[in-house]
């Protein structure tokens, strides 16, 4: 009885916080979805597609650049990028149907669906892919202009998922963390075992080592 008396206020507080957070989550989505510039819907749809397109294009470009310029470091970056994406896909696969959150346009009639979406809402695959790509490239290259450009692109992809009405803000925020985590984990792994990876790549082909 004593334990219940102390747990009851905590349960009430937790329930209230979750309800408040849920209301804020929905209100933010309604604001972004309902007040978007509809003339830009095609641009948002195009932008959101790039999240997956970049995932395939970047490692290919890095690998080919490393091949033709005979640079082990660029090839290693391609593998690092692919490993980060693999981790990202694993995280998404584990969470999508475990959480099994309905899409906002299914649960709330006030949300207008602009993009096609059939899988569960959390996490946002497009946002996770965009932030995996952006963060791993930021960690790879020191160019300030490139870093600013790629992070801006990732944020715009995240915004597009909200404006198009297919994700809650909490889906997007969680996916930003998920994608960034995959990028950091991949970078840590490849930096820790860099010399071993360099040795393996140099043995496979007679390449010039340029770091």
C-alpha atoms as a PDB file:
ATOM      1  CA  UNK A   1       0.000   0.000   0.000  1.00  0.00           C
ATOM      2  CA  UNK A   2       2.844   2.355   0.918  1.00  0.00           C
ATOM      3  CA  UNK A   3       4.542   1.620  -2.417  1.00  0.00           C
ATOM      4  CA  UNK A   4       1.332   2.280  -4.362  1.00  0.00           C
ATOM      5  CA  UNK A   5       0.854   5.641  -2.634  1.00  0.00           C
ATOM      6  CA  UNK A   6       4.312   6.712  -3.764  1.00  0.00           C
ATOM      7  CA  UNK A   7       4.043   5.251  -7.269  1.00  0.00           C
ATOM      8  CA  UNK A   8       0.647   6.768  -8.044  1.00  0.00           C
ATOM      9  CA  UNK A   9       1.881  10.400  -8.342  1.00  0.00           C
ATOM     10  CA  UNK A  10       4.786   9.226 -10.499  1.00  0.00           C
ATOM     11  CA  UNK A  11       2.444   7.340 -12.832  1.00  0.00           C
ATOM     12  CA  UNK A  12       0.132  10.351 -13.078  1.00  0.00           C
ATOM     13  CA  UNK A  13       3.079  12.651 -13.834  1.00  0.00           C
ATOM     14  CA  UNK A  14       4.457  10.249 -16.464  1.00  0.00           C
ATOM     15  CA  UNK A  15       1.063   9.918 -18.141  1.00  0.00           C
ATOM     16  CA  UNK A  16       0.627  13.704 -18.174  1.00  0.00           C
ATOM     17  CA  UNK A  17       4.077  14.230 -19.683  1.00  0.00           C
ATOM     18  CA  UNK A  18       3.452  11.658 -22.417  1.00  0.00           C
ATOM     19  CA  UNK A  19       0.081  13.223 -23.204  1.00  0.00           C
ATOM     20  CA  UNK A  20       1.609  16.704 -23.349  1.00  0.00           C
ATOM     21  CA  UNK A  21       4.430  15.494 -25.562  1.00  0.00           C
ATOM     22  CA  UNK A  22       1.954  13.733 -27.871  1.00  0.00           C
ATOM     23  CA  UNK A  23      -0.161  16.860 -28.189  1.00  0.00           C
ATOM     24  CA  UNK A  24       2.915  18.974 -28.944  1.00  0.00           C
ATOM     25  CA  UNK A  25       4.091  16.381 -31.473  1.00  0.00           C
ATOM     26  CA  UNK A  26       0.787  16.524 -33.336  1.00  0.00           C
ATOM     27  CA  UNK A  27       0.416  20.316 -33.085  1.00  0.00           C
ATOM     28  CA  UNK A  28       3.881  20.838 -34.588  1.00  0.00           C
ATOM     29  CA  UNK A  29       3.090  18.483 -37.453  1.00  0.00           C
ATOM     30  CA  UNK A  30      -0.251  20.191 -38.119  1.00  0.00           C
ATOM     31  CA  UNK A  31       1.543  23.543 -38.262  1.00  0.00           C
ATOM     32  CA  UNK A  32       4.193  22.374 -40.707  1.00  0.00           C
ATOM     33  CA  UNK A  33       1.868  20.267 -42.856  1.00  0.00           C
ATOM     34  CA  UNK A  34      -1.028  22.704 -42.921  1.00  0.00           C
ATOM     35  CA  UNK A  35       1.013  25.863 -43.526  1.00  0.00           C
ATOM     36  CA  UNK A  36       3.412  24.588 -46.164  1.00  0.00           C
ATOM     37  CA  UNK A  37       3.675  26.364 -49.515  1.00  0.00           C
ATOM     38  CA  UNK A  38       1.698  23.946 -51.704  1.00  0.00           C
ATOM     39  CA  UNK A  39       3.386  25.198 -54.882  1.00  0.00           C
ATOM     40  CA  UNK A  40       6.590  23.629 -53.542  1.00  0.00           C
ATOM     41  CA  UNK A  41       5.095  20.148 -53.037  1.00  0.00           C
ATOM     42  CA  UNK A  42       6.833  18.812 -56.148  1.00  0.00           C
ATOM     43  CA  UNK A  43      10.154  20.183 -54.899  1.00  0.00           C
ATOM     44  CA  UNK A  44       9.607  18.536 -51.505  1.00  0.00           C
ATOM     45  CA  UNK A  45       8.752  15.224 -53.163  1.00  0.00           C
ATOM     46  CA  UNK A  46      11.901  15.440 -55.276  1.00  0.00           C
ATOM     47  CA  UNK A  47      14.010  16.372 -52.266  1.00  0.00           C
ATOM     48  CA  UNK A  48      12.757  13.480 -50.160  1.00  0.00           C
ATOM     49  CA  UNK A  49      13.699  10.970 -52.889  1.00  0.00           C
ATOM     50  CA  UNK A  50      17.326  12.126 -52.823  1.00  0.00           C
ATOM     51  CA  UNK A  51      17.784  10.551 -49.381  1.00  0.00           C
ATOM     52  CA  UNK A  52      17.941   7.103 -50.977  1.00  0.00           C
ATOM     53  CA  UNK A  53      19.550   8.212 -54.231  1.00  0.00           C
ATOM     54  CA  UNK A  54      22.531   9.738 -52.455  1.00  0.00           C
ATOM     55  CA  UNK A  55      22.955   6.562 -50.426  1.00  0.00           C
ATOM     56  CA  UNK A  56      23.777   4.647 -53.601  1.00  0.00           C
ATOM     57  CA  UNK A  57      25.627   7.356 -55.508  1.00  0.00           C
ATOM     58  CA  UNK A  58      28.165   8.581 -52.935  1.00  0.00           C
ATOM     59  CA  UNK A  59      29.956   5.288 -52.156  1.00  0.00           C
ATOM     60  CA  UNK A  60      30.107   4.483 -55.858  1.00  0.00           C
ATOM     61  CA  UNK A  61      31.735   7.854 -56.600  1.00  0.00           C
ATOM     62  CA  UNK A  62      34.189   7.449 -53.723  1.00  0.00           C
ATOM     63  CA  UNK A  63      35.148   3.955 -54.830  1.00  0.00           C
ATOM     64  CA  UNK A  64      35.602   4.930 -58.484  1.00  0.00           C
ATOM     65  CA  UNK A  65      37.643   7.988 -57.510  1.00  0.00           C
ATOM     66  CA  UNK A  66      39.855   5.783 -55.361  1.00  0.00           C
ATOM     67  CA  UNK A  67      40.200   3.262 -58.194  1.00  0.00           C
ATOM     68  CA  UNK A  68      41.153   5.702 -60.944  1.00  0.00           C
ATOM     69  CA  UNK A  69      43.323   7.907 -58.732  1.00  0.00           C
ATOM     70  CA  UNK A  70      44.873   4.806 -57.117  1.00  0.00           C
ATOM     71  CA  UNK A  71      44.080   6.094 -53.592  1.00  0.00           C
ATOM     72  CA  UNK A  72      43.418   3.550 -50.860  1.00  0.00           C
ATOM     73  CA  UNK A  73      41.980   6.227 -48.567  1.00  0.00           C
ATOM     74  CA  UNK A  74      39.048   7.001 -50.882  1.00  0.00           C
ATOM     75  CA  UNK A  75      38.221   3.332 -51.296  1.00  0.00           C
ATOM     76  CA  UNK A  76      38.282   2.941 -47.539  1.00  0.00           C
ATOM     77  CA  UNK A  77      35.875   5.883 -47.215  1.00  0.00           C
ATOM     78  CA  UNK A  78      33.504   4.134 -49.619  1.00  0.00           C
ATOM     79  CA  UNK A  79      33.510   1.023 -47.431  1.00  0.00           C
ATOM     80  CA  UNK A  80      33.059   3.141 -44.314  1.00  0.00           C
ATOM     81  CA  UNK A  81      30.043   4.830 -45.904  1.00  0.00           C
ATOM     82  CA  UNK A  82      28.496   1.492 -46.908  1.00  0.00           C
ATOM     83  CA  UNK A  83      29.070   0.104 -43.411  1.00  0.00           C
ATOM     84  CA  UNK A  84      27.312   3.125 -41.885  1.00  0.00           C
ATOM     85  CA  UNK A  85      24.357   2.600 -44.225  1.00  0.00           C
ATOM     86  CA  UNK A  86      24.271  -1.087 -43.335  1.00  0.00           C
ATOM     87  CA  UNK A  87      24.052  -0.227 -39.635  1.00  0.00           C
ATOM     88  CA  UNK A  88      21.326   2.299 -40.411  1.00  0.00           C
ATOM     89  CA  UNK A  89      19.283  -0.296 -42.308  1.00  0.00           C
ATOM     90  CA  UNK A  90      19.693  -2.736 -39.414  1.00  0.00           C
ATOM     91  CA  UNK A  91      18.479  -0.158 -36.883  1.00  0.00           C
ATOM     92  CA  UNK A  92      15.484   0.779 -39.043  1.00  0.00           C
ATOM     93  CA  UNK A  93      14.567  -2.856 -39.596  1.00  0.00           C
ATOM     94  CA  UNK A  94      14.657  -3.596 -35.886  1.00  0.00           C
ATOM     95  CA  UNK A  95      12.546  -0.590 -34.917  1.00  0.00           C
ATOM     96  CA  UNK A  96       9.969  -0.206 -37.704  1.00  0.00           C
ATOM     97  CA  UNK A  97       7.779  -3.180 -36.914  1.00  0.00           C
ATOM     98  CA  UNK A  98       8.764  -3.448 -33.257  1.00  0.00           C
ATOM     99  CA  UNK A  99       7.369   0.005 -32.470  1.00  0.00           C
ATOM    100  CA  UNK A 100       4.737  -0.303 -35.240  1.00  0.00           C
ATOM    101  CA  UNK A 101       3.546   3.296 -34.952  1.00  0.00           C
ATOM    102  CA  UNK A 102       0.704   4.274 -37.332  1.00  0.00           C
ATOM    103  CA  UNK A 103       1.324   7.065 -39.809  1.00  0.00           C
ATOM    104  CA  UNK A 104      -0.072  10.456 -38.712  1.00  0.00           C
ATOM    105  CA  UNK A 105      -2.433  10.765 -41.688  1.00  0.00           C
ATOM    106  CA  UNK A 106      -4.015   7.442 -40.688  1.00  0.00           C
ATOM    107  CA  UNK A 107      -4.619   8.440 -37.079  1.00  0.00           C
ATOM    108  CA  UNK A 108      -5.487  12.118 -37.619  1.00  0.00           C
ATOM    109  CA  UNK A 109      -7.758  13.401 -40.390  1.00  0.00           C
ATOM    110  CA  UNK A 110      -6.253  16.879 -40.033  1.00  0.00           C
ATOM    111  CA  UNK A 111      -2.973  15.681 -41.593  1.00  0.00           C
ATOM    112  CA  UNK A 112      -2.836  15.764 -45.379  1.00  0.00           C
ATOM    113  CA  UNK A 113      -0.844  12.949 -46.975  1.00  0.00           C
ATOM    114  CA  UNK A 114       1.235  14.173 -49.917  1.00  0.00           C
ATOM    115  CA  UNK A 115       3.833  11.411 -50.325  1.00  0.00           C
ATOM    116  CA  UNK A 116       3.316   7.659 -50.612  1.00  0.00           C
ATOM    117  CA  UNK A 117       3.930   5.801 -47.346  1.00  0.00           C
ATOM    118  CA  UNK A 118       2.791   2.344 -46.266  1.00  0.00           C
ATOM    119  CA  UNK A 119       5.209   1.081 -43.600  1.00  0.00           C
ATOM    120  CA  UNK A 120       5.002   2.086 -39.908  1.00  0.00           C
ATOM    121  CA  UNK A 121       5.848   5.666 -39.021  1.00  0.00           C
ATOM    122  CA  UNK A 122       8.795   5.299 -36.618  1.00  0.00           C
ATOM    123  CA  UNK A 123      11.560   5.730 -37.508  1.00  0.00           C
ATOM    124  CA  UNK A 124      11.656   7.869 -40.654  1.00  0.00           C
ATOM    125  CA  UNK A 125      13.789   5.914 -43.110  1.00  0.00           C
ATOM    126  CA  UNK A 126      14.391   8.913 -45.376  1.00  0.00           C
ATOM    127  CA  UNK A 127      15.572  11.074 -42.467  1.00  0.00           C
ATOM    128  CA  UNK A 128      17.771   8.315 -41.049  1.00  0.00           C
ATOM    129  CA  UNK A 129      19.391   7.729 -44.446  1.00  0.00           C
ATOM    130  CA  UNK A 130      19.954  11.451 -44.959  1.00  0.00           C
ATOM    131  CA  UNK A 131      21.601  11.928 -41.563  1.00  0.00           C
ATOM    132  CA  UNK A 132      23.695   8.792 -41.888  1.00  0.00           C
ATOM    133  CA  UNK A 133      25.004  10.132 -45.201  1.00  0.00           C
ATOM    134  CA  UNK A 134      25.480  13.687 -43.956  1.00  0.00           C
ATOM    135  CA  UNK A 135      27.191  12.883 -40.667  1.00  0.00           C
ATOM    136  CA  UNK A 136      29.519  10.236 -42.076  1.00  0.00           C
ATOM    137  CA  UNK A 137      30.623  12.652 -44.837  1.00  0.00           C
ATOM    138  CA  UNK A 138      31.119  15.457 -42.308  1.00  0.00           C
ATOM    139  CA  UNK A 139      33.330  13.113 -40.284  1.00  0.00           C
ATOM    140  CA  UNK A 140      35.260  12.079 -43.407  1.00  0.00           C
ATOM    141  CA  UNK A 141      35.980  15.490 -44.927  1.00  0.00           C
ATOM    142  CA  UNK A 142      37.088  18.772 -43.348  1.00  0.00           C
ATOM    143  CA  UNK A 143      35.796  21.121 -46.036  1.00  0.00           C
ATOM    144  CA  UNK A 144      33.521  23.646 -44.259  1.00  0.00           C
ATOM    145  CA  UNK A 145      31.458  24.440 -47.353  1.00  0.00           C
ATOM    146  CA  UNK A 146      30.808  20.741 -48.014  1.00  0.00           C
ATOM    147  CA  UNK A 147      29.868  20.162 -44.390  1.00  0.00           C
ATOM    148  CA  UNK A 148      27.421  23.064 -44.385  1.00  0.00           C
ATOM    149  CA  UNK A 149      25.867  22.013 -47.671  1.00  0.00           C
ATOM    150  CA  UNK A 150      25.395  18.361 -46.737  1.00  0.00           C
ATOM    151  CA  UNK A 151      23.948  19.132 -43.294  1.00  0.00           C
ATOM    152  CA  UNK A 152      21.543  21.667 -44.811  1.00  0.00           C
ATOM    153  CA  UNK A 153      20.410  19.022 -47.292  1.00  0.00           C
ATOM    154  CA  UNK A 154      19.805  16.506 -44.499  1.00  0.00           C
ATOM    155  CA  UNK A 155      17.752  19.019 -42.507  1.00  0.00           C
ATOM    156  CA  UNK A 156      15.660  19.816 -45.594  1.00  0.00           C
ATOM    157  CA  UNK A 157      14.980  16.114 -46.136  1.00  0.00           C
ATOM    158  CA  UNK A 158      13.839  15.867 -42.517  1.00  0.00           C
ATOM    159  CA  UNK A 159      11.572  18.892 -42.977  1.00  0.00           C
ATOM    160  CA  UNK A 160      10.108  17.430 -46.165  1.00  0.00           C
ATOM    161  CA  UNK A 161       8.911  14.326 -44.302  1.00  0.00           C
ATOM    162  CA  UNK A 162       6.927  16.569 -41.955  1.00  0.00           C
ATOM    163  CA  UNK A 163       5.572  18.950 -44.566  1.00  0.00           C
ATOM    164  CA  UNK A 164       4.458  15.986 -46.685  1.00  0.00           C
ATOM    165  CA  UNK A 165       2.495  14.660 -43.720  1.00  0.00           C
ATOM    166  CA  UNK A 166       4.050  11.205 -43.481  1.00  0.00           C
ATOM    167  CA  UNK A 167       5.902  11.451 -40.142  1.00  0.00           C
ATOM    168  CA  UNK A 168       5.581  12.961 -36.694  1.00  0.00           C
ATOM    169  CA  UNK A 169       8.341  15.320 -35.484  1.00  0.00           C
ATOM    170  CA  UNK A 170       9.325  12.671 -32.911  1.00  0.00           C
ATOM    171  CA  UNK A 171       9.820  10.173 -35.772  1.00  0.00           C
ATOM    172  CA  UNK A 172      12.152  12.603 -37.477  1.00  0.00           C
ATOM    173  CA  UNK A 173      14.094  13.573 -34.344  1.00  0.00           C
ATOM    174  CA  UNK A 174      14.572   9.929 -33.417  1.00  0.00           C
ATOM    175  CA  UNK A 175      15.771   9.170 -36.937  1.00  0.00           C
ATOM    176  CA  UNK A 176      18.260  12.033 -36.846  1.00  0.00           C
ATOM    177  CA  UNK A 177      19.804  10.451 -33.749  1.00  0.00           C
ATOM    178  CA  UNK A 178      19.641   6.965 -35.247  1.00  0.00           C
ATOM    179  CA  UNK A 179      21.333   7.987 -38.497  1.00  0.00           C
ATOM    180  CA  UNK A 180      23.976  10.031 -36.685  1.00  0.00           C
ATOM    181  CA  UNK A 181      24.639   7.101 -34.359  1.00  0.00           C
ATOM    182  CA  UNK A 182      25.192   4.758 -37.308  1.00  0.00           C
ATOM    183  CA  UNK A 183      27.618   7.269 -38.833  1.00  0.00           C
ATOM    184  CA  UNK A 184      29.600   7.725 -35.609  1.00  0.00           C
ATOM    185  CA  UNK A 185      29.756   3.980 -34.956  1.00  0.00           C
ATOM    186  CA  UNK A 186      31.021   3.303 -38.477  1.00  0.00           C
ATOM    187  CA  UNK A 187      33.593   6.082 -38.239  1.00  0.00           C
ATOM    188  CA  UNK A 188      34.819   4.825 -34.856  1.00  0.00           C
ATOM    189  CA  UNK A 189      35.176   1.265 -36.188  1.00  0.00           C
ATOM    190  CA  UNK A 190      37.103   2.276 -39.295  1.00  0.00           C
ATOM    191  CA  UNK A 191      39.369   4.690 -37.435  1.00  0.00           C
ATOM    192  CA  UNK A 192      40.181   2.143 -34.746  1.00  0.00           C
ATOM    193  CA  UNK A 193      41.074  -0.539 -37.289  1.00  0.00           C
ATOM    194  CA  UNK A 194      42.355   1.800 -40.021  1.00  0.00           C
ATOM    195  CA  UNK A 195      45.776   0.226 -40.413  1.00  0.00           C
ATOM    196  CA  UNK A 196      44.316  -3.265 -40.745  1.00  0.00           C
ATOM    197  CA  UNK A 197      41.883  -2.055 -43.410  1.00  0.00           C
ATOM    198  CA  UNK A 198      44.660  -0.253 -45.279  1.00  0.00           C
ATOM    199  CA  UNK A 199      46.769  -3.409 -45.248  1.00  0.00           C
ATOM    200  CA  UNK A 200      43.929  -5.531 -46.607  1.00  0.00           C
ATOM    201  CA  UNK A 201      43.160  -3.086 -49.404  1.00  0.00           C
ATOM    202  CA  UNK A 202      46.787  -2.657 -50.415  1.00  0.00           C
ATOM    203  CA  UNK A 203      47.285  -6.412 -50.565  1.00  0.00           C
ATOM    204  CA  UNK A 204      44.238  -6.835 -52.773  1.00  0.00           C
ATOM    205  CA  UNK A 205      45.555  -4.368 -55.345  1.00  0.00           C
ATOM    206  CA  UNK A 206      48.793  -2.527 -55.987  1.00  0.00           C
ATOM    207  CA  UNK A 207      47.498   0.900 -54.914  1.00  0.00           C
ATOM    208  CA  UNK A 208      49.348   4.011 -53.823  1.00  0.00           C
ATOM    209  CA  UNK A 209      48.662   4.885 -50.167  1.00  0.00           C
ATOM    210  CA  UNK A 210      47.422   8.470 -49.942  1.00  0.00           C
ATOM    211  CA  UNK A 211      45.819   9.618 -46.688  1.00  0.00           C
END
